[in-house]
Amino acid sequence: HISRLLQTVQQEQERLRWAEYKALQAQINPHFLYNTLDSIN
């Protein structure tokens, strides 16, 4: 029973970890876009 519960928890942790990665990747786009547009201007 504990083994089945741990598998469920591990799957949830993988989903959360990937969601955190997506959030970090999304943070970088506005940062370099602002600097590039400033150069074009």
All heavy atoms as atom14 arrays in JSON, in Angstrom:
{
  "sequence": "HISRLLQTVQQEQERLRWAEYKALQAQINPHFLYNTLDSIN",
  "atom14_mask": [
    [1, 1, 1, 1, 1, 1, 1, 1, 1, 1, 0, 0, 0, 0],
    [1, 1, 1, 1, 1, 1, 1, 1, 0, 0, 0, 0, 0, 0],
    [1, 1, 1, 1, 1, 1, 0, 0, 0, 0, 0, 0, 0, 0],
    [1, 1, 1, 1, 1, 1, 1, 1, 1, 1, 1, 0, 0, 0],
    [1, 1, 1, 1, 1, 1, 1, 1, 0, 0, 0, 0, 0, 0],
    [1, 1, 1, 1, 1, 1, 1, 1, 0, 0, 0, 0, 0, 0],
    [1, 1, 1, 1, 1, 1, 1, 1, 1, 0, 0, 0, 0, 0],
    [1, 1, 1, 1, 1, 1, 1, 0, 0, 0, 0, 0, 0, 0],
    [1, 1, 1, 1, 1, 1, 1, 0, 0, 0, 0, 0, 0, 0],
    [1, 1, 1, 1, 1, 1, 1, 1, 1, 0, 0, 0, 0, 0],
    [1, 1, 1, 1, 1, 1, 1, 1, 1, 0, 0, 0, 0, 0],
    [1, 1, 1, 1, 1, 1, 1, 1, 1, 0, 0, 0, 0, 0],
    [1, 1, 1, 1, 1, 1, 1, 1, 1, 0, 0, 0, 0, 0],
    [1, 1, 1, 1, 1, 1, 1, 1, 1, 0, 0, 0, 0, 0],
    [1, 1, 1, 1, 1, 1, 1, 1, 1, 1, 1, 0, 0, 0],
    [1, 1, 1, 1, 1, 1, 1, 1, 0, 0, 0, 0, 0, 0],
    [1, 1, 1, 1, 1, 1, 1, 1, 1, 1, 1, 0, 0, 0],
    [1, 1, 1, 1, 1, 1, 1, 1, 1, 1, 1, 1, 1, 1],
    [1, 1, 1, 1, 1, 0, 0, 0, 0, 0, 0, 0, 0, 0],
    [1, 1, 1, 1, 1, 1, 1, 1, 1, 0, 0, 0, 0, 0],
    [1, 1, 1, 1, 1, 1, 1, 1, 1, 1, 1, 1, 0, 0],
    [1, 1, 1, 1, 1, 1, 1, 1, 1, 0, 0, 0, 0, 0],
    [1, 1, 1, 1, 1, 0, 0, 0, 0, 0, 0, 0, 0, 0],
    [1, 1, 1, 1, 1, 1, 1, 1, 0, 0, 0, 0, 0, 0],
    [1, 1, 1, 1, 1, 1, 1, 1, 1, 0, 0, 0, 0, 0],
    [1, 1, 1, 1, 1, 0, 0, 0, 0, 0, 0, 0, 0, 0],
    [1, 1, 1, 1, 1, 1, 1, 1, 1, 0, 0, 0, 0, 0],
    [1, 1, 1, 1, 1, 1, 1, 1, 0, 0, 0, 0, 0, 0],
    [1, 1, 1, 1, 1, 1, 1, 1, 0, 0, 0, 0, 0, 0],
    [1, 1, 1, 1, 1, 1, 1, 0, 0, 0, 0, 0, 0, 0],
    [1, 1, 1, 1, 1, 1, 1, 1, 1, 1, 0, 0, 0, 0],
    [1, 1, 1, 1, 1, 1, 1, 1, 1, 1, 1, 0, 0, 0],
    [1, 1, 1, 1, 1, 1, 1, 1, 0, 0, 0, 0, 0, 0],
    [1, 1, 1, 1, 1, 1, 1, 1, 1, 1, 1, 1, 0, 0],
    [1, 1, 1, 1, 1, 1, 1, 1, 0, 0, 0, 0, 0, 0],
    [1, 1, 1, 1, 1, 1, 1, 0, 0, 0, 0, 0, 0, 0],
    [1, 1, 1, 1, 1, 1, 1, 1, 0, 0, 0, 0, 0, 0],
    [1, 1, 1, 1, 1, 1, 1, 1, 0, 0, 0, 0, 0, 0],
    [1, 1, 1, 1, 1, 1, 0, 0, 0, 0, 0, 0, 0, 0],
    [1, 1, 1, 1, 1, 1, 1, 1, 0, 0, 0, 0, 0, 0],
    [1, 1, 1, 1, 1, 1, 1, 1, 0, 0, 0, 0, 0, 0]
  ],
  "atom14_positions": [
    [[0.83, -1.21, 0.0], [0.0, 0.0, 0.0], [0.87, 1.27, 0.0], [0.6, 2.22, -0.74], [-0.91, -0.02, 1.23], [-1.84, 1.14, 1.3], [-2.79, 1.42, 0.34], [-1.94, 2.14, 2.23], [-3.45, 2.51, 0.66], [-2.95, 2.96, 1.81], [0.0, 0.0, 0.0], [0.0, 0.0, 0.0], [0.0, 0.0, 0.0], [0.0, 0.0, 0.0]],
    [[1.95, 1.26, 0.81], [2.86, 2.42, 0.84], [3.52, 2.63, -0.51], [3.7, 3.77, -0.98], [3.91, 2.22, 1.95], [3.24, 2.29, 3.32], [5.01, 3.28, 1.85], [4.19, 1.96, 4.47], [0.0, 0.0, 0.0], [0.0, 0.0, 0.0], [0.0, 0.0, 0.0], [0.0, 0.0, 0.0], [0.0, 0.0, 0.0], [0.0, 0.0, 0.0]],
    [[3.86, 1.52, -1.2], [4.5, 1.63, -2.51], [3.58, 2.33, -3.51], [4.01, 3.2, -4.27], [4.88, 0.24, -3.02], [5.45, 0.31, -4.3], [0.0, 0.0, 0.0], [0.0, 0.0, 0.0], [0.0, 0.0, 0.0], [0.0, 0.0, 0.0], [0.0, 0.0, 0.0], [0.0, 0.0, 0.0], [0.0, 0.0, 0.0], [0.0, 0.0, 0.0]],
    [[2.3, 1.97, -3.5], [1.35, 2.62, -4.42], [1.22, 4.11, -4.09], [1.16, 4.95, -5.0], [0.0, 1.92, -4.34], [0.0, 0.51, -4.93], [-1.41, -0.01, -5.09], [-2.07, -0.19, -3.78], [-2.01, -1.3, -3.07], [-1.33, -2.36, -3.51], [-2.66, -1.39, -1.91], [0.0, 0.0, 0.0], [0.0, 0.0, 0.0], [0.0, 0.0, 0.0]],
    [[1.17, 4.44, -2.81], [1.06, 5.85, -2.42], [2.29, 6.65, -2.86], [2.17, 7.79, -3.33], [0.88, 5.96, -0.9], [-0.47, 5.5, -0.34], [-0.46, 5.6, 1.18], [-1.61, 6.36, -0.9], [0.0, 0.0, 0.0], [0.0, 0.0, 0.0], [0.0, 0.0, 0.0], [0.0, 0.0, 0.0], [0.0, 0.0, 0.0], [0.0, 0.0, 0.0]],
    [[3.48, 6.07, -2.71], [4.7, 6.78, -3.09], [4.77, 7.03, -4.58], [5.24, 8.07, -5.04], [5.92, 5.97, -2.65], [6.25, 6.01, -1.15], [7.42, 5.11, -0.84], [6.56, 7.44, -0.71], [0.0, 0.0, 0.0], [0.0, 0.0, 0.0], [0.0, 0.0, 0.0], [0.0, 0.0, 0.0], [0.0, 0.0, 0.0], [0.0, 0.0, 0.0]],
    [[4.3, 6.06, -5.38], [4.28, 6.27, -6.83], [3.39, 7.45, -7.2], [3.73, 8.27, -8.06], [3.79, 4.99, -7.52], [4.8, 3.85, -7.47], [4.25, 2.59, -8.1], [3.12, 2.57, -8.6], [5.05, 1.52, -8.08], [0.0, 0.0, 0.0], [0.0, 0.0, 0.0], [0.0, 0.0, 0.0], [0.0, 0.0, 0.0], [0.0, 0.0, 0.0]],
    [[2.24, 7.53, -6.52], [1.33, 8.66, -6.77], [1.99, 9.99, -6.4], [1.93, 10.97, -7.15], [0.04, 8.48, -5.96], [-0.57, 7.24, -6.32], [-0.94, 9.62, -6.24], [0.0, 0.0, 0.0], [0.0, 0.0, 0.0], [0.0, 0.0, 0.0], [0.0, 0.0, 0.0], [0.0, 0.0, 0.0], [0.0, 0.0, 0.0], [0.0, 0.0, 0.0]],
    [[2.64, 10.03, -5.24], [3.3, 11.26, -4.8], [4.43, 11.64, -5.75], [4.63, 12.82, -6.08], [3.84, 11.07, -3.37], [4.73, 12.24, -2.96], [2.7, 10.92, -2.38], [0.0, 0.0, 0.0], [0.0, 0.0, 0.0], [0.0, 0.0, 0.0], [0.0, 0.0, 0.0], [0.0, 0.0, 0.0], [0.0, 0.0, 0.0], [0.0, 0.0, 0.0]],
    [[5.19, 10.64, -6.24], [6.3, 10.93, -7.15], [5.81, 11.54, -8.46], [6.43, 12.47, -8.99], [7.06, 9.64, -7.43], [8.33, 9.84, -8.25], [9.11, 8.56, -8.43], [8.67, 7.5, -8.0], [10.26, 8.65, -9.05], [0.0, 0.0, 0.0], [0.0, 0.0, 0.0], [0.0, 0.0, 0.0], [0.0, 0.0, 0.0], [0.0, 0.0, 0.0]],
    [[4.68, 11.02, -8.97], [4.13, 11.59, -10.2], [3.72, 13.05, -9.99], [3.96, 13.91, -10.85], [2.93, 10.76, -10.66], [3.32, 9.37, -11.15], [2.11, 8.49, -11.42], [0.97, 8.91, -11.19], [2.34, 7.27, -11.9], [0.0, 0.0, 0.0], [0.0, 0.0, 0.0], [0.0, 0.0, 0.0], [0.0, 0.0, 0.0], [0.0, 0.0, 0.0]],
    [[3.13, 13.34, -8.83], [2.73, 14.72, -8.54], [3.97, 15.63, -8.42], [3.95, 16.78, -8.88], [1.92, 14.77, -7.24], [0.55, 14.12, -7.32], [-0.35, 14.83, -8.33], [-0.22, 16.05, -8.48], [-1.16, 14.15, -8.98], [0.0, 0.0, 0.0], [0.0, 0.0, 0.0], [0.0, 0.0, 0.0], [0.0, 0.0, 0.0], [0.0, 0.0, 0.0]],
    [[5.04, 15.12, -7.81], [6.26, 15.93, -7.68], [6.88, 16.22, -9.04], [7.4, 17.31, -9.28], [7.27, 15.2, -6.79], [6.9, 15.2, -5.32], [7.9, 14.45, -4.48], [8.66, 13.63, -5.0], [7.89, 14.71, -3.18], [0.0, 0.0, 0.0], [0.0, 0.0, 0.0], [0.0, 0.0, 0.0], [0.0, 0.0, 0.0], [0.0, 0.0, 0.0]],
    [[6.83, 15.25, -9.98], [7.36, 15.48, -11.32], [6.58, 16.59, -12.01], [7.16, 17.45, -12.69], [7.29, 14.18, -12.13], [8.33, 13.15, -11.75], [9.72, 13.61, -12.13], [9.86, 14.36, -13.12], [10.68, 13.24, -11.41], [0.0, 0.0, 0.0], [0.0, 0.0, 0.0], [0.0, 0.0, 0.0], [0.0, 0.0, 0.0], [0.0, 0.0, 0.0]],
    [[5.27, 16.55, -11.86], [4.46, 17.6, -12.48], [4.81, 18.97, -11.91], [4.91, 19.96, -12.63], [2.97, 17.29, -12.27], [2.49, 16.04, -13.0], [0.97, 15.94, -12.96], [0.51, 14.68, -13.52], [0.16, 13.61, -12.81], [0.24, 13.66, -11.49], [-0.24, 12.5, -13.41], [0.0, 0.0, 0.0], [0.0, 0.0, 0.0], [0.0, 0.0, 0.0]],
    [[4.97, 19.03, -10.57], [5.3, 20.31, -9.94], [6.69, 20.79, -10.37], [6.9, 21.98, -10.6], [5.26, 20.16, -8.41], [3.87, 20.0, -7.79], [3.99, 19.71, -6.3], [3.03, 21.26, -8.01], [0.0, 0.0, 0.0], [0.0, 0.0, 0.0], [0.0, 0.0, 0.0], [0.0, 0.0, 0.0], [0.0, 0.0, 0.0], [0.0, 0.0, 0.0]],
    [[7.65, 19.88, -10.47], [9.01, 20.26, -10.88], [9.03, 20.82, -12.29], [9.69, 21.82, -12.57], [9.92, 19.03, -10.78], [11.39, 19.33, -10.93], [12.23, 18.14, -10.51], [12.11, 17.05, -11.47], [12.95, 16.88, -12.5], [13.93, 17.73, -12.7], [12.8, 15.88, -13.33], [0.0, 0.0, 0.0], [0.0, 0.0, 0.0], [0.0, 0.0, 0.0]],
    [[8.28, 20.2, -13.18], [8.25, 20.69, -14.55], [7.53, 22.03, -14.65], [7.9, 22.89, -15.43], [7.59, 19.65, -15.46], [7.87, 19.92, -16.9], [7.01, 20.37, -17.83], [9.14, 19.81, -17.54], [7.64, 20.53, -19.02], [8.96, 20.2, -18.87], [10.41, 19.41, -17.11], [9.99, 20.19, -19.79], [11.41, 19.41, -18.03], [11.21, 19.8, -19.35]],
    [[6.5, 22.2, -13.82], [5.81, 23.48, -13.8], [6.74, 24.59, -13.33], [6.73, 25.71, -13.86], [4.58, 23.39, -12.88], [0.0, 0.0, 0.0], [0.0, 0.0, 0.0], [0.0, 0.0, 0.0], [0.0, 0.0, 0.0], [0.0, 0.0, 0.0], [0.0, 0.0, 0.0], [0.0, 0.0, 0.0], [0.0, 0.0, 0.0], [0.0, 0.0, 0.0]],
    [[7.6, 24.29, -12.34], [8.57, 25.28, -11.87], [9.56, 25.63, -12.96], [9.93, 26.79, -13.15], [9.3, 24.74, -10.64], [10.3, 25.72, -10.06], [11.06, 25.13, -8.89], [10.74, 24.0, -8.49], [11.97, 25.82, -8.39], [0.0, 0.0, 0.0], [0.0, 0.0, 0.0], [0.0, 0.0, 0.0], [0.0, 0.0, 0.0], [0.0, 0.0, 0.0]],
    [[10.01, 24.62, -13.71], [10.94, 24.87, -14.81], [10.31, 25.79, -15.86], [10.93, 26.72, -16.35], [11.34, 23.53, -15.44], [12.1, 23.69, -16.74], [13.44, 24.07, -16.75], [11.47, 23.49, -17.97], [14.13, 24.23, -17.93], [12.14, 23.66, -19.15], [13.47, 24.02, -19.14], [14.15, 24.19, -20.3], [0.0, 0.0, 0.0], [0.0, 0.0, 0.0]],
    [[9.02, 25.53, -16.19], [8.32, 26.36, -17.17], [8.23, 27.81, -16.69], [8.41, 28.75, -17.46], [6.9, 25.81, -17.41], [6.87, 24.53, -18.24], [7.19, 24.85, -19.69], [6.92, 23.65, -20.58], [7.18, 23.98, -22.0], [0.0, 0.0, 0.0], [0.0, 0.0, 0.0], [0.0, 0.0, 0.0], [0.0, 0.0, 0.0], [0.0, 0.0, 0.0]],
    [[7.98, 27.96, -15.39], [7.88, 29.32, -14.85], [9.21, 30.04, -14.93], [9.28, 31.22, -15.28], [7.41, 29.26, -13.39], [0.0, 0.0, 0.0], [0.0, 0.0, 0.0], [0.0, 0.0, 0.0], [0.0, 0.0, 0.0], [0.0, 0.0, 0.0], [0.0, 0.0, 0.0], [0.0, 0.0, 0.0], [0.0, 0.0, 0.0], [0.0, 0.0, 0.0]],
    [[10.32, 29.36, -14.63], [11.64, 29.98, -14.72], [11.99, 30.35, -16.15], [12.58, 31.39, -16.42], [12.69, 29.04, -14.15], [12.7, 28.86, -12.64], [13.64, 27.74, -12.23], [13.08, 30.16, -11.95], [0.0, 0.0, 0.0], [0.0, 0.0, 0.0], [0.0, 0.0, 0.0], [0.0, 0.0, 0.0], [0.0, 0.0, 0.0], [0.0, 0.0, 0.0]],
    [[11.62, 29.48, -17.1], [11.93, 29.76, -18.5], [11.13, 30.96, -19.0], [11.63, 31.79, -19.75], [11.61, 28.52, -19.35], [11.91, 28.72, -20.83], [11.74, 27.43, -21.59], [12.59, 26.56, -21.53], [10.64, 27.31, -22.28], [0.0, 0.0, 0.0], [0.0, 0.0, 0.0], [0.0, 0.0, 0.0], [0.0, 0.0, 0.0], [0.0, 0.0, 0.0]],
    [[9.89, 31.06, -18.53], [9.06, 32.17, -18.97], [9.57, 33.49, -18.43], [9.38, 34.54, -19.05], [7.61, 31.95, -18.51], [0.0, 0.0, 0.0], [0.0, 0.0, 0.0], [0.0, 0.0, 0.0], [0.0, 0.0, 0.0], [0.0, 0.0, 0.0], [0.0, 0.0, 0.0], [0.0, 0.0, 0.0], [0.0, 0.0, 0.0], [0.0, 0.0, 0.0]],
    [[10.25, 33.47, -17.29], [10.73, 34.71, -16.69], [11.79, 35.4, -17.54], [11.93, 36.61, -17.49], [11.34, 34.43, -15.3], [10.31, 34.06, -14.25], [10.97, 33.67, -12.95], [12.19, 33.74, -12.84], [10.16, 33.27, -11.99], [0.0, 0.0, 0.0], [0.0, 0.0, 0.0], [0.0, 0.0, 0.0], [0.0, 0.0, 0.0], [0.0, 0.0, 0.0]],
    [[12.49, 34.65, -18.37], [13.63, 35.26, -19.04], [13.24, 36.02, -20.3], [13.92, 36.93, -20.72], [14.66, 34.16, -19.38], [16.02, 34.79, -19.6], [14.24, 33.35, -20.6], [17.13, 33.8, -19.63], [0.0, 0.0, 0.0], [0.0, 0.0, 0.0], [0.0, 0.0, 0.0], [0.0, 0.0, 0.0], [0.0, 0.0, 0.0], [0.0, 0.0, 0.0]],
    [[12.09, 35.67, -20.91], [11.72, 36.31, -22.18], [11.56, 37.83, -22.07], [12.15, 38.58, -22.84], [10.45, 35.66, -22.73], [10.71, 34.24, -23.17], [11.76, 33.95, -23.71], [9.75, 33.35, -22.93], [0.0, 0.0, 0.0], [0.0, 0.0, 0.0], [0.0, 0.0, 0.0], [0.0, 0.0, 0.0], [0.0, 0.0, 0.0], [0.0, 0.0, 0.0]],
    [[10.76, 38.36, -21.15], [10.64, 39.83, -21.05], [11.98, 40.5, -20.77], [12.19, 41.63, -21.2], [9.66, 40.02, -19.89], [8.94, 38.73, -19.78], [9.91, 37.68, -20.19], [0.0, 0.0, 0.0], [0.0, 0.0, 0.0], [0.0, 0.0, 0.0], [0.0, 0.0, 0.0], [0.0, 0.0, 0.0], [0.0, 0.0, 0.0], [0.0, 0.0, 0.0]],
    [[12.86, 39.81, -20.07], [14.13, 40.44, -19.68], [14.98, 40.79, -20.91], [15.37, 41.94, -21.1], [14.88, 39.47, -18.76], [16.15, 40.03, -18.21], [16.18, 41.09, -17.35], [17.44, 39.67, -18.44], [17.43, 41.37, -17.06], [18.21, 40.51, -17.7], [0.0, 0.0, 0.0], [0.0, 0.0, 0.0], [0.0, 0.0, 0.0], [0.0, 0.0, 0.0]],
    [[15.27, 39.8, -21.79], [16.14, 40.12, -22.92], [15.38, 40.86, -24.02], [15.94, 41.59, -24.82], [16.85, 38.87, -23.46], [15.98, 37.86, -24.12], [15.48, 38.05, -25.4], [15.67, 36.68, -23.45], [14.69, 37.08, -25.98], [14.89, 35.72, -24.05], [14.39, 35.93, -25.32], [0.0, 0.0, 0.0], [0.0, 0.0, 0.0], [0.0, 0.0, 0.0]],
    [[14.03, 40.68, -24.08], [13.24, 41.39, -25.08], [13.3, 42.89, -24.83], [13.45, 43.7, -25.76], [11.79, 40.89, -25.05], [10.83, 41.59, -26.01], [11.29, 41.41, -27.46], [9.42, 41.05, -25.82], [0.0, 0.0, 0.0], [0.0, 0.0, 0.0], [0.0, 0.0, 0.0], [0.0, 0.0, 0.0], [0.0, 0.0, 0.0], [0.0, 0.0, 0.0]],
    [[13.23, 43.27, -23.58], [13.29, 44.69, -23.23], [14.61, 45.3, -23.69], [14.63, 46.36, -24.32], [13.13, 44.86, -21.72], [13.46, 46.26, -21.25], [12.55, 47.31, -21.39], [14.7, 46.54, -20.69], [12.88, 48.58, -20.96], [15.03, 47.81, -20.27], [14.1, 48.84, -20.42], [14.43, 50.08, -20.0], [0.0, 0.0, 0.0], [0.0, 0.0, 0.0]],
    [[15.74, 44.65, -23.41], [17.05, 45.18, -23.79], [17.22, 45.27, -25.31], [17.81, 46.23, -25.83], [18.15, 44.3, -23.21], [18.28, 44.47, -21.7], [18.47, 45.57, -21.19], [18.11, 43.38, -20.98], [0.0, 0.0, 0.0], [0.0, 0.0, 0.0], [0.0, 0.0, 0.0], [0.0, 0.0, 0.0], [0.0, 0.0, 0.0], [0.0, 0.0, 0.0]],
    [[16.68, 44.28, -26.05], [16.82, 44.28, -27.51], [16.0, 45.41, -28.12], [16.46, 46.16, -29.0], [16.38, 42.92, -28.08], [17.14, 41.9, -27.45], [16.6, 42.88, -29.59], [0.0, 0.0, 0.0], [0.0, 0.0, 0.0], [0.0, 0.0, 0.0], [0.0, 0.0, 0.0], [0.0, 0.0, 0.0], [0.0, 0.0, 0.0], [0.0, 0.0, 0.0]],
    [[14.76, 45.55, -27.68], [13.9, 46.61, -28.21], [14.49, 47.99, -27.89], [14.36, 48.93, -28.68], [12.49, 46.49, -27.63], [11.71, 45.25, -28.11], [10.36, 45.17, -27.4], [11.52, 45.28, -29.62], [0.0, 0.0, 0.0], [0.0, 0.0, 0.0], [0.0, 0.0, 0.0], [0.0, 0.0, 0.0], [0.0, 0.0, 0.0], [0.0, 0.0, 0.0]],
    [[15.13, 48.09, -26.75], [15.76, 49.36, -26.39], [16.89, 49.69, -27.38], [17.06, 50.85, -27.77], [16.33, 49.26, -24.97], [16.97, 50.55, -24.53], [16.25, 51.56, -24.4], [18.2, 50.55, -24.34], [0.0, 0.0, 0.0], [0.0, 0.0, 0.0], [0.0, 0.0, 0.0], [0.0, 0.0, 0.0], [0.0, 0.0, 0.0], [0.0, 0.0, 0.0]],
    [[17.63, 48.68, -27.82], [18.7, 48.9, -28.8], [18.13, 49.35, -30.15], [18.66, 50.25, -30.81], [19.51, 47.63, -28.97], [20.13, 47.27, -27.76], [0.0, 0.0, 0.0], [0.0, 0.0, 0.0], [0.0, 0.0, 0.0], [0.0, 0.0, 0.0], [0.0, 0.0, 0.0], [0.0, 0.0, 0.0], [0.0, 0.0, 0.0], [0.0, 0.0, 0.0]],
    [[17.04, 48.67, -30.6], [16.41, 49.05, -31.87], [15.9, 50.48, -31.81], [16.06, 51.29, -32.74], [15.28, 48.07, -32.22], [15.87, 46.68, -32.45], [14.5, 48.52, -33.44], [14.82, 45.6, -32.63], [0.0, 0.0, 0.0], [0.0, 0.0, 0.0], [0.0, 0.0, 0.0], [0.0, 0.0, 0.0], [0.0, 0.0, 0.0], [0.0, 0.0, 0.0]],
    [[15.29, 50.85, -30.72], [14.78, 52.21, -30.54], [15.9, 53.22, -30.64], [15.74, 54.3, -31.24], [14.08, 52.29, -29.17], [13.55, 53.69, -28.9], [12.67, 54.18, -29.6], [14.11, 54.35, -27.89], [0.0, 0.0, 0.0], [0.0, 0.0, 0.0], [0.0, 0.0, 0.0], [0.0, 0.0, 0.0], [0.0, 0.0, 0.0], [0.0, 0.0, 0.0]]
  ]
}
